[in-house]
């Protein structure tokens, strides 16, 4: 992992807020010339500090409208199966993100489902089966605008 200095961190913070900034806007935010910002930005992409640049789509415009956070607990005697099941979760079209977490639960999912019925189908297939020992689902009722 390459060490990042204070200016690199400023560039990353600015890009996290808005990756569509012009070179001039970025240079003003960071305090470097546009050319220096561009060189640093290219290096940050090359070393993997910037994995990808994406569009954050308002959930209202997404095809799938029900957003669900799911905390999954595994049978402690079957923890070896977590990796396999996490990969299965990650391949499911309704699962957007999969995290291994600390605490009482072992895995957290972010899902975006067509409906509660499609979430119920997912739960029947994956969450009511061993090695899952239990789960909690949290349905997003309303998302507050960023900023």
Protein backbone atom coordinates (compact mmCIF):
# COMPACT_ATOMS: atom_id res chain seq x y z
CA UNK A 1 0.00 0.00 0.00
CA UNK A 2 1.41 3.35 -1.04
CA UNK A 3 1.62 6.09 1.58
CA UNK A 4 -0.63 9.09 0.92
CA UNK A 5 0.22 12.61 2.04
CA UNK A 6 -2.09 15.41 3.18
CA UNK A 7 -2.69 16.65 -0.39
CA UNK A 8 -3.58 13.14 -1.59
CA UNK A 9 -6.08 12.89 1.28
CA UNK A 10 -7.58 16.27 0.27
CA UNK A 11 -7.95 15.06 -3.31
CA UNK A 12 -9.63 11.85 -2.16
CA UNK A 13 -12.04 13.79 0.09
CA UNK A 14 -12.93 16.16 -2.74
CA UNK A 15 -13.45 13.28 -5.17
CA UNK A 16 -15.66 11.45 -2.67
CA UNK A 17 -17.95 14.47 -2.56
CA UNK A 18 -18.04 14.97 -6.33
CA UNK A 19 -16.05 12.89 -8.81
CA UNK A 20 -17.24 15.06 -11.71
CA UNK A 21 -15.28 18.13 -10.65
CA UNK A 22 -13.24 19.85 -13.31
CA UNK A 23 -9.47 20.06 -12.90
CA UNK A 24 -9.84 23.74 -12.01
CA UNK A 25 -12.45 23.04 -9.33
CA UNK A 26 -10.32 20.28 -7.85
CA UNK A 27 -7.21 22.44 -7.86
CA UNK A 28 -9.08 25.21 -6.03
CA UNK A 29 -10.36 22.76 -3.41
CA UNK A 30 -6.92 21.25 -2.84
CA UNK A 31 -4.62 24.22 -3.37
CA UNK A 32 -2.52 22.79 -6.21
CA UNK A 33 -2.25 23.61 -9.90
CA UNK A 34 -4.65 21.74 -12.19
CA UNK A 35 -1.72 19.84 -13.75
CA UNK A 36 -0.39 18.74 -10.35
CA UNK A 37 -3.88 17.63 -9.29
CA UNK A 38 -4.27 15.62 -12.49
CA UNK A 39 -0.93 13.85 -11.96
CA UNK A 40 -1.84 13.01 -8.37
CA UNK A 41 -5.33 11.89 -9.39
CA UNK A 42 -3.90 9.55 -12.04
CA UNK A 43 -1.45 8.11 -9.46
CA UNK A 44 -4.28 7.63 -6.92
CA UNK A 45 -6.23 5.66 -9.53
CA UNK A 46 -3.15 3.62 -10.49
CA UNK A 47 -2.27 2.60 -6.92
CA UNK A 48 -5.91 1.67 -6.17
CA UNK A 49 -6.72 4.49 -3.73
CA UNK A 50 -9.61 5.28 -6.09
CA UNK A 51 -11.17 1.95 -6.98
CA UNK A 52 -13.84 3.27 -9.31
CA UNK A 53 -15.96 6.32 -9.99
CA UNK A 54 -19.69 5.77 -9.89
CA UNK A 55 -22.97 7.61 -10.11
CA UNK A 56 -25.08 7.70 -6.96
CA UNK A 57 -28.59 7.25 -8.27
CA UNK A 58 -31.52 8.57 -6.31
CA UNK A 59 -33.43 5.51 -5.02
CA UNK A 60 -36.68 6.96 -6.40
CA UNK A 61 -35.34 6.36 -9.92
CA UNK A 62 -34.05 2.85 -9.33
CA UNK A 63 -35.96 -0.10 -10.69
CA UNK A 64 -35.93 -1.89 -7.34
CA UNK A 65 -37.60 0.13 -4.64
CA UNK A 66 -37.37 -1.79 -1.35
CA UNK A 67 -34.03 -1.31 0.37
CA UNK A 68 -33.21 -3.75 3.19
CA UNK A 69 -30.25 -4.05 5.55
CA UNK A 70 -29.88 -7.62 6.81
CA UNK A 71 -27.76 -8.76 9.75
CA UNK A 72 -26.99 -12.48 9.55
CA UNK A 73 -25.77 -14.71 12.40
CA UNK A 74 -24.20 -18.10 11.71
CA UNK A 75 -24.14 -21.27 13.74
CA UNK A 76 -20.80 -21.05 15.60
CA UNK A 77 -20.10 -24.70 14.80
CA UNK A 78 -20.37 -24.00 11.06
CA UNK A 79 -18.32 -20.82 10.71
CA UNK A 80 -16.21 -22.40 7.97
CA UNK A 81 -19.21 -22.08 5.65
CA UNK A 82 -19.47 -18.29 6.00
CA UNK A 83 -17.17 -17.59 3.02
CA UNK A 84 -19.15 -19.87 0.72
CA UNK A 85 -22.47 -18.35 1.73
CA UNK A 86 -21.13 -14.79 1.47
CA UNK A 87 -20.15 -15.52 -2.15
CA UNK A 88 -23.65 -16.89 -2.81
CA UNK A 89 -25.16 -13.75 -1.28
CA UNK A 90 -22.91 -11.57 -3.45
CA UNK A 91 -24.04 -13.32 -6.64
CA UNK A 92 -27.74 -12.77 -5.89
CA UNK A 93 -29.17 -9.96 -8.10
CA UNK A 94 -30.93 -8.24 -5.17
CA UNK A 95 -27.80 -8.06 -3.00
CA UNK A 96 -25.85 -4.83 -3.55
CA UNK A 97 -23.19 -5.18 -0.83
CA UNK A 98 -21.92 -7.89 1.53
CA UNK A 99 -19.81 -7.16 4.61
CA UNK A 100 -18.23 -9.39 7.24
CA UNK A 101 -18.86 -7.56 10.53
CA UNK A 102 -17.98 -7.67 14.21
CA UNK A 103 -20.44 -8.00 17.08
CA UNK A 104 -23.26 -10.45 17.61
CA UNK A 105 -23.80 -10.84 13.88
CA UNK A 106 -21.35 -12.21 11.31
CA UNK A 107 -22.47 -10.68 8.01
CA UNK A 108 -24.37 -7.59 6.90
CA UNK A 109 -26.13 -7.29 3.55
CA UNK A 110 -27.49 -4.31 1.69
CA UNK A 111 -30.31 -5.44 -0.57
CA UNK A 112 -32.53 -3.65 -3.05
CA UNK A 113 -35.55 -5.78 -3.84
CA UNK A 114 -38.50 -5.38 -6.19
CA UNK A 115 -40.87 -6.00 -3.30
CA UNK A 116 -41.13 -7.46 0.19
CA UNK A 117 -42.25 -10.68 -1.48
CA UNK A 118 -38.93 -10.94 -3.32
CA UNK A 119 -37.09 -10.34 -0.02
CA UNK A 120 -39.22 -13.09 1.54
CA UNK A 121 -38.19 -15.46 -1.27
CA UNK A 122 -34.52 -14.61 -0.61
CA UNK A 123 -35.01 -15.24 3.12
CA UNK A 124 -36.68 -18.60 2.46
CA UNK A 125 -33.83 -19.67 0.18
CA UNK A 126 -30.86 -18.43 2.20
CA UNK A 127 -31.75 -17.17 5.67
CA UNK A 128 -33.98 -19.90 7.05
CA UNK A 129 -31.43 -22.58 6.12
CA UNK A 130 -28.30 -23.85 7.90
CA UNK A 131 -25.67 -22.59 8.57
CA UNK A 132 -27.68 -19.41 9.28
CA UNK A 133 -28.59 -19.29 12.97
CA UNK A 134 -30.73 -16.16 12.75
CA UNK A 135 -31.09 -12.79 11.07
CA UNK A 136 -32.57 -9.34 11.49
CA UNK A 137 -33.90 -7.30 8.60
CA UNK A 138 -34.25 -3.53 8.60
CA UNK A 139 -36.37 -2.08 5.81
CA UNK A 140 -35.60 1.49 4.80
CA UNK A 141 -38.79 3.55 5.01
CA UNK A 142 -37.36 6.86 3.87
CA UNK A 143 -33.89 8.02 2.89
CA UNK A 144 -32.92 11.55 3.79
CA UNK A 145 -31.20 13.58 1.08
CA UNK A 146 -27.40 13.92 1.39
CA UNK A 147 -25.83 17.27 2.14
